[in-house]
Protein backbone atom coordinates (compact mmCIF):
# COMPACT_ATOMS: atom_id res chain seq x y z
CA MET A 1 -20.05 -31.31 -5.66
CA ALA A 2 -18.89 -28.09 -7.65
CA SER A 3 -22.48 -26.70 -6.84
CA HIS A 4 -21.51 -26.63 -3.15
CA ARG A 5 -18.52 -24.36 -3.57
CA LEU A 6 -20.13 -22.31 -6.19
CA ARG A 7 -23.12 -21.34 -3.73
CA PRO A 8 -20.77 -19.52 -1.33
CA LEU A 9 -18.73 -18.05 -4.08
CA THR A 10 -21.97 -16.45 -5.68
CA LEU A 11 -23.35 -15.23 -2.48
CA ALA A 12 -19.80 -13.48 -1.68
CA ILE A 13 -19.85 -11.84 -4.96
CA LEU A 14 -23.33 -10.56 -4.68
CA LEU A 15 -22.70 -9.19 -1.26
CA ALA A 16 -19.43 -7.43 -2.28
CA VAL A 17 -21.09 -5.92 -5.13
CA SER A 18 -23.91 -4.62 -2.83
CA LEU A 19 -21.18 -3.13 -0.35
CA GLY A 20 -19.83 -1.35 -3.06
CA ALA A 21 -22.75 1.09 -2.41
CA CYS A 22 -23.88 4.01 -4.12
CA SER A 23 -22.74 7.57 -4.06
CA THR A 24 -23.89 10.88 -5.80
CA TRP A 25 -22.34 14.22 -6.43
CA SER A 26 -23.42 17.05 -3.99
CA ARG A 27 -22.83 20.60 -5.04
CA GLN A 28 -20.43 22.50 -2.49
CA PRO A 29 -20.38 26.27 -1.58
CA ILE A 30 -17.42 28.36 -2.16
CA PRO A 31 -15.88 28.70 1.31
CA THR A 32 -15.67 31.91 3.26
CA PRO A 33 -12.40 33.94 3.57
CA GLY A 34 -9.76 32.03 5.76
CA GLU A 35 -11.55 28.58 5.12
CA ASP A 36 -10.54 26.14 2.89
CA ARG A 37 -12.28 23.00 1.95
CA PHE A 38 -10.45 19.65 0.94
CA PHE A 39 -11.85 16.77 -1.21
CA ALA A 40 -10.34 13.60 -2.11
CA THR A 41 -12.33 13.76 -5.59
CA ALA A 42 -14.34 16.95 -6.83
CA ARG A 43 -16.20 17.56 -10.25
CA VAL A 44 -15.37 21.21 -11.23
CA THR A 45 -17.54 22.86 -13.81
CA PRO A 46 -15.90 25.86 -15.47
CA VAL A 47 -18.13 28.78 -16.68
CA GLU A 48 -16.92 27.61 -20.28
CA GLY A 49 -16.21 24.11 -21.07
CA ALA A 50 -16.94 20.43 -19.79
CA PRO A 51 -16.59 19.22 -16.14
CA ILE A 52 -13.32 18.29 -15.01
CA LEU A 53 -12.71 15.50 -12.38
CA LEU A 54 -9.87 16.47 -9.90
CA ASP A 55 -8.45 14.62 -7.06
CA ASN A 56 -6.79 15.71 -3.75
CA VAL A 57 -8.89 19.09 -4.42
CA THR A 58 -8.36 22.29 -2.25
CA VAL A 59 -11.22 24.91 -2.76
CA SER A 60 -10.35 28.30 -1.37
CA ARG A 61 -12.05 31.68 -1.49
CA ASP A 62 -9.86 32.41 -4.74
CA SER A 63 -9.18 29.26 -6.58
CA VAL A 64 -9.66 25.48 -7.15
CA VAL A 65 -6.64 23.49 -7.24
CA GLY A 66 -6.28 19.54 -7.82
CA ARG A 67 -4.72 16.95 -9.88
CA ALA A 68 -6.41 16.17 -13.08
CA ARG A 69 -7.83 12.67 -13.21
CA ASN A 70 -6.23 11.82 -16.55
CA GLU A 71 -3.21 10.19 -17.89
CA SER A 72 -1.24 13.44 -17.16
CA HIS A 73 -2.11 13.87 -13.62
CA ALA A 74 -1.10 17.57 -14.01
CA ARG A 75 -1.81 19.95 -11.29
CA VAL A 76 -4.56 22.25 -12.27
CA ALA A 77 -5.54 25.62 -10.52
CA ILE A 78 -8.70 27.49 -11.63
CA PRO A 79 -9.86 31.03 -10.36
CA VAL A 80 -13.04 30.56 -8.60
CA SER A 81 -14.47 33.50 -10.88
CA ALA A 82 -14.23 31.04 -13.61
CA VAL A 83 -15.92 28.18 -11.85
CA ARG A 84 -19.78 27.64 -12.16
CA MET A 85 -20.01 24.49 -9.73
CA VAL A 86 -17.86 22.03 -7.48
CA GLU A 87 -19.42 18.94 -6.65
CA ALA A 88 -17.88 16.58 -4.32
CA ARG A 89 -18.83 12.67 -3.81
CA ARG A 90 -21.26 11.84 -0.91
CA PRO A 91 -22.90 8.45 0.20
CA ASP A 92 -26.21 7.95 -1.13
CA ALA A 93 -28.31 6.30 1.59
CA ILE A 94 -31.33 5.37 -0.38
CA GLY A 95 -29.51 4.12 -3.57
CA THR A 96 -27.16 1.94 -1.23
CA ALA A 97 -30.34 0.61 0.46
CA ALA A 98 -31.98 -0.25 -2.60
CA VAL A 99 -28.95 -2.02 -4.01
CA VAL A 100 -28.43 -3.81 -0.80
CA MET A 101 -32.03 -5.00 -0.92
CA VAL A 102 -32.29 -6.01 -4.29
CA THR A 103 -28.95 -8.14 -3.55
CA ILE A 104 -30.34 -9.90 -0.62
CA ILE A 105 -33.78 -10.48 -2.61
CA GLY A 106 -32.17 -11.71 -5.54
CA THR A 107 -29.87 -14.00 -3.20
CA ILE A 108 -32.87 -15.49 -1.60
CA ALA A 109 -34.66 -16.06 -4.95
CA LEU A 110 -31.61 -17.82 -6.47
CA TRP A 111 -31.39 -20.05 -3.25
CA GLY A 112 -34.99 -20.96 -3.45
CA ALA A 113 -34.90 -21.79 -6.96
CA TYR A 114 -31.86 -24.10 -6.59
CA GLU A 115 -33.43 -25.76 -3.45
CA LEU A 116 -36.70 -26.29 -5.45
CA ARG A 117 -34.71 -27.64 -8.28
CA ASN A 118 -32.97 -30.22 -5.91
CA LEU A 119 -36.21 -30.91 -3.98
CA GLY A 120 -36.87 -34.64 -3.93
CA THR A 121 -33.44 -35.44 -5.37
CA ASP A 122 -31.79 -36.50 -2.51
CA TYR A 123 -31.92 -40.34 -2.60
């Protein structure tokens, strides 16, 4: 009886994981004068040092401003001249399709194995 409740739960978990989808970082150009760009999350690579993850990011012609994604959530402002690269998250269609297909195939394989195991036991 528990297996009848377990199957829908397993399917729901597999589908939820696949719908989390995939995303990738894509390089963003520095805006032209008078044009600002806004990103929910960005990875900023300074000329010197490690990349920094920022939330609520504004990239303008002269600076990159956002909130640090660490415990402090401090406001960070970096001059564009000190920035090597700004990257923002974007959906990855190929990765998402691969995850969804693997999830569907895995679900079908699990269901088929379950059905084969129970074949002939319904007396």
